[in-house]
């Protein structure tokens, strides 16, 4: 008799990389966009690890719950759209 084992990946954050200071002298909007992209990538990776492979399954509530689990501030609607775009085009 065969036994199937399904392993659910954890949402625990990996060991953090050493942070480097951002380049000075850029407009504020550049820093906002840069940080938004980083957050969207972190959330997209966590959702893919959790088994959310289709953008329609990644609702704002799902993304915000994942952010809370990871200890990240709740993302804005713009960041949630960016997460869905990363999941869609990352295939």
PDB file of N, CA and C in Angstrom:
ATOM      1  N   UNK A   1       0.842  -1.168   0.000  1.00  0.00           N
ATOM      2  CA  UNK A   1       0.000   0.000   0.000  1.00  0.00           C
ATOM      3  C   UNK A   1       0.893   1.239   0.000  1.00  0.00           C
ATOM      4  N   UNK A   2       0.655   2.126  -0.933  1.00  0.00           N
ATOM      5  CA  UNK A   2       1.471   3.334  -1.064  1.00  0.00           C
ATOM      6  C   UNK A   2       0.929   4.425  -0.148  1.00  0.00           C
ATOM      7  N   UNK A   3       1.836   5.188   0.386  1.00  0.00           N
ATOM      8  CA  UNK A   3       1.466   6.277   1.278  1.00  0.00           C
ATOM      9  C   UNK A   3       2.005   7.573   0.695  1.00  0.00           C
ATOM     10  N   UNK A   4       1.126   8.528   0.456  1.00  0.00           N
ATOM     11  CA  UNK A   4       1.543   9.820  -0.087  1.00  0.00           C
ATOM     12  C   UNK A   4       1.771  10.796   1.058  1.00  0.00           C
ATOM     13  N   UNK A   5       2.892  11.453   1.010  1.00  0.00           N
ATOM     14  CA  UNK A   5       3.219  12.444   2.031  1.00  0.00           C
ATOM     15  C   UNK A   5       3.279  13.797   1.352  1.00  0.00           C
ATOM     16  N   UNK A   6       2.471  14.712   1.836  1.00  0.00           N
ATOM     17  CA  UNK A   6       2.460  16.062   1.294  1.00  0.00           C
ATOM     18  C   UNK A   6       3.137  16.971   2.308  1.00  0.00           C
ATOM     19  N   UNK A   7       4.190  17.622   1.857  1.00  0.00           N
ATOM     20  CA  UNK A   7       4.934  18.517   2.737  1.00  0.00           C
ATOM     21  C   UNK A   7       4.500  19.948   2.451  1.00  0.00           C
ATOM     22  N   UNK A   8       4.069  20.644   3.473  1.00  0.00           N
ATOM     23  CA  UNK A   8       3.707  22.043   3.302  1.00  0.00           C
ATOM     24  C   UNK A   8       4.913  22.893   3.674  1.00  0.00           C
ATOM     25  N   UNK A   9       5.362  23.737   2.745  1.00  0.00           N
ATOM     26  CA  UNK A   9       6.531  24.564   3.038  1.00  0.00           C
ATOM     27  C   UNK A   9       6.213  25.603   4.104  1.00  0.00           C
ATOM     28  N   UNK A  10       7.189  25.925   4.898  1.00  0.00           N
ATOM     29  CA  UNK A  10       6.977  26.908   5.958  1.00  0.00           C
ATOM     30  C   UNK A  10       7.098  28.314   5.392  1.00  0.00           C
ATOM     31  N   UNK A  11       6.484  29.264   6.070  1.00  0.00           N
ATOM     32  CA  UNK A  11       6.570  30.661   5.666  1.00  0.00           C
ATOM     33  C   UNK A  11       7.595  31.412   6.511  1.00  0.00           C
ATOM     34  N   UNK A  12       8.452  30.669   7.191  1.00  0.00           N
ATOM     35  CA  UNK A  12       9.458  31.327   8.012  1.00  0.00           C
ATOM     36  C   UNK A  12      10.463  32.028   7.112  1.00  0.00           C
ATOM     37  N   UNK A  13      10.821  33.254   7.465  1.00  0.00           N
ATOM     38  CA  UNK A  13      11.791  33.966   6.621  1.00  0.00           C
ATOM     39  C   UNK A  13      13.165  33.303   6.689  1.00  0.00           C
ATOM     40  N   UNK A  14      13.850  33.332   5.594  1.00  0.00           N
ATOM     41  CA  UNK A  14      15.198  32.786   5.539  1.00  0.00           C
ATOM     42  C   UNK A  14      16.147  33.726   6.252  1.00  0.00           C
ATOM     43  N   UNK A  15      17.375  33.299   6.390  1.00  0.00           N
ATOM     44  CA  UNK A  15      18.392  34.137   7.016  1.00  0.00           C
ATOM     45  C   UNK A  15      18.516  35.422   6.203  1.00  0.00           C
ATOM     46  N   UNK A  16      18.427  36.545   6.863  1.00  0.00           N
ATOM     47  CA  UNK A  16      18.463  37.824   6.171  1.00  0.00           C
ATOM     48  C   UNK A  16      19.846  38.094   5.601  1.00  0.00           C
ATOM     49  N   UNK A  17      19.858  38.687   4.434  1.00  0.00           N
ATOM     50  CA  UNK A  17      21.117  39.084   3.826  1.00  0.00           C
ATOM     51  C   UNK A  17      21.595  40.380   4.459  1.00  0.00           C
ATOM     52  N   UNK A  18      22.879  40.611   4.354  1.00  0.00           N
ATOM     53  CA  UNK A  18      23.414  41.858   4.886  1.00  0.00           C
ATOM     54  C   UNK A  18      22.920  43.003   4.011  1.00  0.00           C
ATOM     55  N   UNK A  19      22.376  44.011   4.644  1.00  0.00           N
ATOM     56  CA  UNK A  19      21.823  45.130   3.891  1.00  0.00           C
ATOM     57  C   UNK A  19      22.915  46.115   3.512  1.00  0.00           C
ATOM     58  N   UNK A  20      22.766  46.672   2.319  1.00  0.00           N
ATOM     59  CA  UNK A  20      23.692  47.697   1.858  1.00  0.00           C
ATOM     60  C   UNK A  20      22.923  49.013   1.810  1.00  0.00           C
ATOM     61  N   UNK A  21      23.582  50.122   2.083  1.00  0.00           N
ATOM     62  CA  UNK A  21      22.867  51.395   2.002  1.00  0.00           C
ATOM     63  C   UNK A  21      22.469  51.702   0.555  1.00  0.00           C
ATOM     64  N   UNK A  22      21.307  52.308   0.412  1.00  0.00           N
ATOM     65  CA  UNK A  22      20.840  52.681  -0.918  1.00  0.00           C
ATOM     66  C   UNK A  22      21.637  53.883  -1.412  1.00  0.00           C
ATOM     67  N   UNK A  23      21.771  54.031  -2.725  1.00  0.00           N
ATOM     68  CA  UNK A  23      22.540  55.162  -3.253  1.00  0.00           C
ATOM     69  C   UNK A  23      21.854  56.488  -2.924  1.00  0.00           C
ATOM     70  N   UNK A  24      22.654  57.458  -2.566  1.00  0.00           N
ATOM     71  CA  UNK A  24      22.117  58.775  -2.201  1.00  0.00           C
ATOM     72  C   UNK A  24      21.880  59.617  -3.452  1.00  0.00           C
ATOM     73  N   UNK A  25      21.041  60.618  -3.304  1.00  0.00           N
ATOM     74  CA  UNK A  25      20.835  61.584  -4.367  1.00  0.00           C
ATOM     75  C   UNK A  25      19.731  61.253  -5.353  1.00  0.00           C
ATOM     76  N   UNK A  26      18.991  60.202  -5.116  1.00  0.00           N
ATOM     77  CA  UNK A  26      17.882  59.862  -6.016  1.00  0.00           C
ATOM     78  C   UNK A  26      16.616  60.562  -5.532  1.00  0.00           C
ATOM     79  N   UNK A  27      15.640  60.743  -6.426  1.00  0.00           N
ATOM     80  CA  UNK A  27      14.367  61.317  -5.983  1.00  0.00           C
ATOM     81  C   UNK A  27      13.645  60.366  -5.028  1.00  0.00           C
ATOM     82  N   UNK A  28      12.832  60.919  -4.150  1.00  0.00           N
ATOM     83  CA  UNK A  28      12.128  60.119  -3.154  1.00  0.00           C
ATOM     84  C   UNK A  28      11.297  59.010  -3.794  1.00  0.00           C
ATOM     85  N   UNK A  29      10.681  59.284  -4.915  1.00  0.00           N
ATOM     86  CA  UNK A  29       9.830  58.293  -5.585  1.00  0.00           C
ATOM     87  C   UNK A  29      10.629  57.042  -5.970  1.00  0.00           C
ATOM     88  N   UNK A  30      11.903  57.213  -6.295  1.00  0.00           N
ATOM     89  CA  UNK A  30      12.741  56.062  -6.642  1.00  0.00           C
ATOM     90  C   UNK A  30      12.860  55.116  -5.455  1.00  0.00           C
ATOM     91  N   UNK A  31      13.084  55.675  -4.259  1.00  0.00           N
ATOM     92  CA  UNK A  31      13.224  54.856  -3.055  1.00  0.00           C
ATOM     93  C   UNK A  31      11.908  54.154  -2.714  1.00  0.00           C
ATOM     94  N   UNK A  32      10.799  54.852  -2.860  1.00  0.00           N
ATOM     95  CA  UNK A  32       9.480  54.267  -2.584  1.00  0.00           C
ATOM     96  C   UNK A  32       9.232  53.092  -3.525  1.00  0.00           C
ATOM     97  N   UNK A  33       9.498  53.285  -4.808  1.00  0.00           N
ATOM     98  CA  UNK A  33       9.294  52.223  -5.796  1.00  0.00           C
ATOM     99  C   UNK A  33      10.228  51.048  -5.546  1.00  0.00           C
ATOM    100  N   UNK A  34      11.471  51.350  -5.221  1.00  0.00           N
ATOM    101  CA  UNK A  34      12.455  50.293  -4.958  1.00  0.00           C
ATOM    102  C   UNK A  34      12.009  49.415  -3.786  1.00  0.00           C
ATOM    103  N   UNK A  35      11.622  50.052  -2.684  1.00  0.00           N
ATOM    104  CA  UNK A  35      11.189  49.297  -1.506  1.00  0.00           C
ATOM    105  C   UNK A  35       9.900  48.526  -1.775  1.00  0.00           C
ATOM    106  N   UNK A  36       9.011  49.104  -2.585  1.00  0.00           N
ATOM    107  CA  UNK A  36       7.766  48.414  -2.938  1.00  0.00           C
ATOM    108  C   UNK A  36       8.070  47.155  -3.750  1.00  0.00           C
ATOM    109  N   UNK A  37       9.023  47.251  -4.680  1.00  0.00           N
ATOM    110  CA  UNK A  37       9.398  46.071  -5.473  1.00  0.00           C
ATOM    111  C   UNK A  37       9.985  44.978  -4.594  1.00  0.00           C
ATOM    112  N   UNK A  38      10.845  45.365  -3.649  1.00  0.00           N
ATOM    113  CA  UNK A  38      11.442  44.377  -2.747  1.00  0.00           C
ATOM    114  C   UNK A  38      10.368  43.663  -1.926  1.00  0.00           C
ATOM    115  N   UNK A  39       9.416  44.428  -1.408  1.00  0.00           N
ATOM    116  CA  UNK A  39       8.334  43.830  -0.613  1.00  0.00           C
ATOM    117  C   UNK A  39       7.485  42.905  -1.480  1.00  0.00           C
ATOM    118  N   UNK A  40       7.177  43.343  -2.702  1.00  0.00           N
ATOM    119  CA  UNK A  40       6.369  42.520  -3.604  1.00  0.00           C
ATOM    120  C   UNK A  40       7.089  41.214  -3.936  1.00  0.00           C
ATOM    121  N   UNK A  41       8.401  41.277  -4.144  1.00  0.00           N
ATOM    122  CA  UNK A  41       9.151  40.047  -4.439  1.00  0.00           C
ATOM    123  C   UNK A  41       9.146  39.105  -3.246  1.00  0.00           C
ATOM    124  N   UNK A  42       9.340  39.645  -2.038  1.00  0.00           N
ATOM    125  CA  UNK A  42       9.314  38.807  -0.839  1.00  0.00           C
ATOM    126  C   UNK A  42       7.969  38.105  -0.692  1.00  0.00           C
ATOM    127  N   UNK A  43       6.895  38.859  -0.901  1.00  0.00           N
ATOM    128  CA  UNK A  43       5.554  38.291  -0.760  1.00  0.00           C
ATOM    129  C   UNK A  43       5.249  37.278  -1.864  1.00  0.00           C
ATOM    130  N   UNK A  44       5.667  37.571  -3.090  1.00  0.00           N
ATOM    131  CA  UNK A  44       5.423  36.637  -4.190  1.00  0.00           C
ATOM    132  C   UNK A  44       6.145  35.314  -3.944  1.00  0.00           C
ATOM    133  N   UNK A  45       7.368  35.375  -3.459  1.00  0.00           N
ATOM    134  CA  UNK A  45       8.122  34.150  -3.168  1.00  0.00           C
ATOM    135  C   UNK A  45       7.430  33.354  -2.069  1.00  0.00           C
ATOM    136  N   UNK A  46       6.977  34.044  -1.021  1.00  0.00           N
ATOM    137  CA  UNK A  46       6.299  33.352   0.082  1.00  0.00           C
ATOM    138  C   UNK A  46       4.998  32.707  -0.393  1.00  0.00           C
ATOM    139  N   UNK A  47       4.248  33.396  -1.251  1.00  0.00           N
ATOM    140  CA  UNK A  47       2.996  32.830  -1.762  1.00  0.00           C
ATOM    141  C   UNK A  47       3.264  31.624  -2.661  1.00  0.00           C
ATOM    142  N   UNK A  48       4.281  31.716  -3.502  1.00  0.00           N
ATOM    143  CA  UNK A  48       4.618  30.574  -4.356  1.00  0.00           C
ATOM    144  C   UNK A  48       5.058  29.390  -3.510  1.00  0.00           C
ATOM    145  N   UNK A  49       5.824  29.644  -2.459  1.00  0.00           N
ATOM    146  CA  UNK A  49       6.237  28.565  -1.555  1.00  0.00           C
ATOM    147  C   UNK A  49       5.038  27.948  -0.843  1.00  0.00           C
ATOM    148  N   UNK A  50       4.000  28.761  -0.619  1.00  0.00           N
ATOM    149  CA  UNK A  50       2.805  28.273   0.070  1.00  0.00           C
ATOM    150  C   UNK A  50       1.820  27.596  -0.883  1.00  0.00           C
ATOM    151  N   UNK A  51       2.126  27.595  -2.188  1.00  0.00           N
ATOM    152  CA  UNK A  51       1.268  26.892  -3.136  1.00  0.00           C
ATOM    153  C   UNK A  51       0.287  27.766  -3.887  1.00  0.00           C
ATOM    154  N   UNK A  52       0.435  29.070  -3.824  1.00  0.00           N
ATOM    155  CA  UNK A  52      -0.441  29.976  -4.579  1.00  0.00           C
ATOM    156  C   UNK A  52       0.264  30.272  -5.899  1.00  0.00           C
ATOM    157  N   UNK A  53      -0.146  29.572  -6.966  1.00  0.00           N
ATOM    158  CA  UNK A  53       0.528  29.694  -8.255  1.00  0.00           C
ATOM    159  C   UNK A  53      -0.265  30.496  -9.274  1.00  0.00           C
ATOM    160  N   UNK A  54      -1.512  30.820  -8.967  1.00  0.00           N
ATOM    161  CA  UNK A  54      -2.387  31.523  -9.904  1.00  0.00           C
ATOM    162  C   UNK A  54      -2.712  32.894  -9.318  1.00  0.00           C
ATOM    163  N   UNK A  55      -2.554  33.963 -10.108  1.00  0.00           N
ATOM    164  CA  UNK A  55      -2.809  35.303  -9.574  1.00  0.00           C
ATOM    165  C   UNK A  55      -4.221  35.497  -9.029  1.00  0.00           C
ATOM    166  N   UNK A  56      -5.204  34.804  -9.598  1.00  0.00           N
ATOM    167  CA  UNK A  56      -6.581  34.972  -9.122  1.00  0.00           C
ATOM    168  C   UNK A  56      -6.759  34.431  -7.704  1.00  0.00           C
ATOM    169  N   UNK A  57      -5.902  33.508  -7.289  1.00  0.00           N
ATOM    170  CA  UNK A  57      -5.962  32.973  -5.919  1.00  0.00           C
ATOM    171  C   UNK A  57      -5.266  33.902  -4.924  1.00  0.00           C
ATOM    172  N   UNK A  58      -4.455  34.829  -5.429  1.00  0.00           N
ATOM    173  CA  UNK A  58      -3.726  35.756  -4.561  1.00  0.00           C
ATOM    174  C   UNK A  58      -4.551  37.029  -4.388  1.00  0.00           C
ATOM    175  N   UNK A  59      -5.575  36.941  -3.561  1.00  0.00           N
ATOM    176  CA  UNK A  59      -6.403  38.119  -3.295  1.00  0.00           C
ATOM    177  C   UNK A  59      -5.652  39.060  -2.358  1.00  0.00           C
ATOM    178  N   UNK A  60      -6.169  40.272  -2.233  1.00  0.00           N
ATOM    179  CA  UNK A  60      -5.541  41.225  -1.310  1.00  0.00           C
ATOM    180  C   UNK A  60      -5.506  40.662   0.104  1.00  0.00           C
ATOM    181  N   UNK A  61      -6.574  39.992   0.506  1.00  0.00           N
ATOM    182  CA  UNK A  61      -6.624  39.422   1.857  1.00  0.00           C
ATOM    183  C   UNK A  61      -5.566  38.338   2.035  1.00  0.00           C
ATOM    184  N   UNK A  62      -5.386  37.493   1.016  1.00  0.00           N
ATOM    185  CA  UNK A  62      -4.375  36.435   1.088  1.00  0.00           C
ATOM    186  C   UNK A  62      -2.977  37.032   1.185  1.00  0.00           C
ATOM    187  N   UNK A  63      -2.727  38.044   0.376  1.00  0.00           N
ATOM    188  CA  UNK A  63      -1.407  38.683   0.376  1.00  0.00           C
ATOM    189  C   UNK A  63      -1.149  39.364   1.713  1.00  0.00           C
ATOM    190  N   UNK A  64      -2.159  40.039   2.250  1.00  0.00           N
ATOM    191  CA  UNK A  64      -1.976  40.734   3.535  1.00  0.00           C
ATOM    192  C   UNK A  64      -1.815  39.750   4.690  1.00  0.00           C
ATOM    193  N   UNK A  65      -2.506  38.619   4.625  1.00  0.00           N
ATOM    194  CA  UNK A  65      -2.338  37.590   5.654  1.00  0.00           C
ATOM    195  C   UNK A  65      -0.927  37.012   5.604  1.00  0.00           C
ATOM    196  N   UNK A  66      -0.417  36.801   4.402  1.00  0.00           N
ATOM    197  CA  UNK A  66       0.954  36.305   4.246  1.00  0.00           C
ATOM    198  C   UNK A  66       1.950  37.321   4.786  1.00  0.00           C
ATOM    199  N   UNK A  67       1.702  38.604   4.519  1.00  0.00           N
ATOM    200  CA  UNK A  67       2.593  39.650   5.038  1.00  0.00           C
ATOM    201  C   UNK A  67       2.600  39.647   6.560  1.00  0.00           C
ATOM    202  N   UNK A  68       1.431  39.470   7.150  1.00  0.00           N
ATOM    203  CA  UNK A  68       1.339  39.422   8.612  1.00  0.00           C
ATOM    204  C   UNK A  68       2.103  38.217   9.159  1.00  0.00           C
ATOM    205  N   UNK A  69       1.987  37.084   8.475  1.00  0.00           N
ATOM    206  CA  UNK A  69       2.702  35.875   8.891  1.00  0.00           C
ATOM    207  C   UNK A  69       4.213  36.080   8.836  1.00  0.00           C
ATOM    208  N   UNK A  70       4.672  36.806   7.814  1.00  0.00           N
ATOM    209  CA  UNK A  70       6.105  37.050   7.649  1.00  0.00           C
ATOM    210  C   UNK A  70       6.615  38.186   8.526  1.00  0.00           C
ATOM    211  N   UNK A  71       5.701  38.936   9.139  1.00  0.00           N
ATOM    212  CA  UNK A  71       6.115  40.061   9.965  1.00  0.00           C
ATOM    213  C   UNK A  71       6.405  41.316   9.161  1.00  0.00           C
ATOM    214  N   UNK A  72       5.747  41.433   8.007  1.00  0.00           N
ATOM    215  CA  UNK A  72       5.908  42.601   7.138  1.00  0.00           C
ATOM    216  C   UNK A  72       4.679  43.484   7.310  1.00  0.00           C
ATOM    217  N   UNK A  73       4.851  44.797   7.223  1.00  0.00           N
ATOM    218  CA  UNK A  73       3.706  45.703   7.293  1.00  0.00           C
ATOM    219  C   UNK A  73       2.723  45.365   6.175  1.00  0.00           C
ATOM    220  N   UNK A  74       1.423  45.562   6.409  1.00  0.00           N
ATOM    221  CA  UNK A  74       0.426  45.230   5.376  1.00  0.00           C
ATOM    222  C   UNK A  74       0.697  46.012   4.088  1.00  0.00           C
ATOM    223  N   UNK A  75       0.713  45.332   2.946  1.00  0.00           N
ATOM    224  CA  UNK A  75       0.993  46.015   1.686  1.00  0.00           C
ATOM    225  C   UNK A  75      -0.204  46.818   1.201  1.00  0.00           C
ATOM    226  N   UNK A  76       0.089  47.838   0.410  1.00  0.00           N
ATOM    227  CA  UNK A  76      -0.967  48.656  -0.179  1.00  0.00           C
ATOM    228  C   UNK A  76      -1.592  47.906  -1.353  1.00  0.00           C
ATOM    229  N   UNK A  77      -2.668  48.474  -1.895  1.00  0.00           N
ATOM    230  CA  UNK A  77      -3.317  47.869  -3.063  1.00  0.00           C
ATOM    231  C   UNK A  77      -2.349  47.817  -4.249  1.00  0.00           C
ATOM    232  N   UNK A  78      -1.521  48.861  -4.388  1.00  0.00           N
ATOM    233  CA  UNK A  78      -0.540  48.898  -5.474  1.00  0.00           C
ATOM    234  C   UNK A  78       0.457  47.756  -5.343  1.00  0.00           C
ATOM    235  N   UNK A  79       0.928  47.512  -4.123  1.00  0.00           N
ATOM    236  CA  UNK A  79       1.878  46.421  -3.898  1.00  0.00           C
ATOM    237  C   UNK A  79       1.210  45.075  -4.146  1.00  0.00           C
ATOM    238  N   UNK A  80      -0.056  44.928  -3.760  1.00  0.00           N
ATOM    239  CA  UNK A  80      -0.778  43.674  -4.012  1.00  0.00           C
ATOM    240  C   UNK A  80      -0.896  43.412  -5.510  1.00  0.00           C
ATOM    241  N   UNK A  81      -1.169  44.462  -6.296  1.00  0.00           N
ATOM    242  CA  UNK A  81      -1.221  44.301  -7.754  1.00  0.00           C
ATOM    243  C   UNK A  81       0.140  43.879  -8.296  1.00  0.00           C
ATOM    244  N   UNK A  82       1.203  44.447  -7.721  1.00  0.00           N
ATOM    245  CA  UNK A  82       2.554  44.102  -8.152  1.00  0.00           C
ATOM    246  C   UNK A  82       2.872  42.635  -7.840  1.00  0.00           C
ATOM    247  N   UNK A  83       2.413  42.151  -6.683  1.00  0.00           N
ATOM    248  CA  UNK A  83       2.623  40.745  -6.308  1.00  0.00           C
ATOM    249  C   UNK A  83       1.934  39.838  -7.322  1.00  0.00           C
ATOM    250  N   UNK A  84       0.692  40.156  -7.676  1.00  0.00           N
ATOM    251  CA  UNK A  84      -0.034  39.338  -8.658  1.00  0.00           C
ATOM    252  C   UNK A  84       0.659  39.360 -10.021  1.00  0.00           C
ATOM    253  N   UNK A  85       1.202  40.520 -10.399  1.00  0.00           N
ATOM    254  CA  UNK A  85       1.924  40.612 -11.674  1.00  0.00           C
ATOM    255  C   UNK A  85       3.182  39.748 -11.646  1.00  0.00           C
ATOM    256  N   UNK A  86       3.886  39.733 -10.523  1.00  0.00           N
ATOM    257  CA  UNK A  86       5.084  38.893 -10.414  1.00  0.00           C
ATOM    258  C   UNK A  86       4.723  37.412 -10.506  1.00  0.00           C
ATOM    259  N   UNK A  87       3.615  37.028  -9.886  1.00  0.00           N
ATOM    260  CA  UNK A  87       3.186  35.625  -9.957  1.00  0.00           C
ATOM    261  C   UNK A  87       2.782  35.280 -11.394  1.00  0.00           C
ATOM    262  N   UNK A  88       2.092  36.205 -12.052  1.00  0.00           N
ATOM    263  CA  UNK A  88       1.608  35.961 -13.416  1.00  0.00           C
ATOM    264  C   UNK A  88       2.770  35.819 -14.394  1.00  0.00           C
ATOM    265  N   UNK A  89       3.727  36.744 -14.336  1.00  0.00           N
ATOM    266  CA  UNK A  89       4.788  36.765 -15.344  1.00  0.00           C
ATOM    267  C   UNK A  89       6.011  35.968 -14.928  1.00  0.00           C
ATOM    268  N   UNK A  90       5.992  35.402 -13.738  1.00  0.00           N
ATOM    269  CA  UNK A  90       7.123  34.610 -13.290  1.00  0.00           C
ATOM    270  C   UNK A  90       7.083  33.176 -13.776  1.00  0.00           C
ATOM    271  N   UNK A  91       6.053  32.827 -14.508  1.00  0.00           N
ATOM    272  CA  UNK A  91       5.907  31.433 -14.963  1.00  0.00           C
ATOM    273  C   UNK A  91       6.822  31.146 -16.114  1.00  0.00           C
TER     274      UNK A  91
END
